[in-house]
Amino acid sequence: MIATYHNHSDFSDGVASIPELVDAARQLGVEELGISDHFVLHPSGRTPRWAMDPHRLAEYVGEVRAQQGAAGPVVRLGLEVDWFPEQAEAIGEALKEISFDYLIGAVHEIDGFRVDATPDEWEALSPVQRTDRFRLYWDRIRTLAESGLFDIIAHLDLPKKFGYRPTLDLDEEIDAALDAIARSGMVVELNTAGWHKPCADGYPSFELVRACRSRGIPMTLSADAHEPEHLLRDFPRGASRLMKANCEQVARFAEREVTFEHVEAAVARF
């Protein structure tokens, strides 16, 4: 079964409406389509331009639900939620009454620093400061996993997006984050969008996929699509990375329950 869960509509920073995404999925032969627009409860109270207005959450849920049961792909209700530890209670309260199929936890910002916004913000830092941002990122991933609020972790090594890397060994911080993910039972996505960014590498790296698998962390495959034609972008490439790292199954989601399908079956129609 071809399934894709990390996809954005024009409720956040995608270019297409939810019905247009569903129609594109139908034409591409997608059998299970998840919609997961950006939802941000920022500590400052502001809403980033790339996220939906939190007051539109009910409208968003209604539009996704309206596509369920129609001919074509099975439509799953998801959300990509930005993680701020100080907002844990507010996030839980905002989402607790909604029957999601899955929730994606993501870290795009750390203490006011946007890890994936522009290369200029990274360029302005010294090598020591860049390493410190990576260190803080991995600590934030650890607390995300420990929160128990989410099912999937998005683009696990996102700070590499613009090609910058830490200059010191962060194995301790990375191990702590991955161990927390393993304890949580969360799924890590192999996000193919990274191959189209300056880093020219999927999220996460092959080494991190292997580290996840060594801990028994399950994986799923996603394109992080913001345009309908990208719903399955580089899925064979992503599946190849998973299989090379001895990941034989990918996760599937319904009502926040996880099942598994063989990787080769997930891309057999390509």
Foldseek 3Di string as FASTA:
>chain_A
DAEAAQEEAVLFQFDHHPVVLQVLCQVVVHAEYHYAFEDECDPVRDDDRRGHDLVCVVVVVVVQVVPAPDPGHHYFYEYEYEDDPVCLVVVCVSPVVDQGQFYEYEHQDDPRRGLQDDVVSVVVDDLVVLLVVQLRLLQSLLVVLVSLPGAEYELNRSSCQQPDDHPDDPVVSNVSNLVSNLVSLHEYEFEQCSCVGNNNATRPHLVVLLVNVVSVHAYAYHHSYSYSVRGCPCLVVSLVSNVVSVHQWHWDTGSRDIDIDGSCVNPVVD
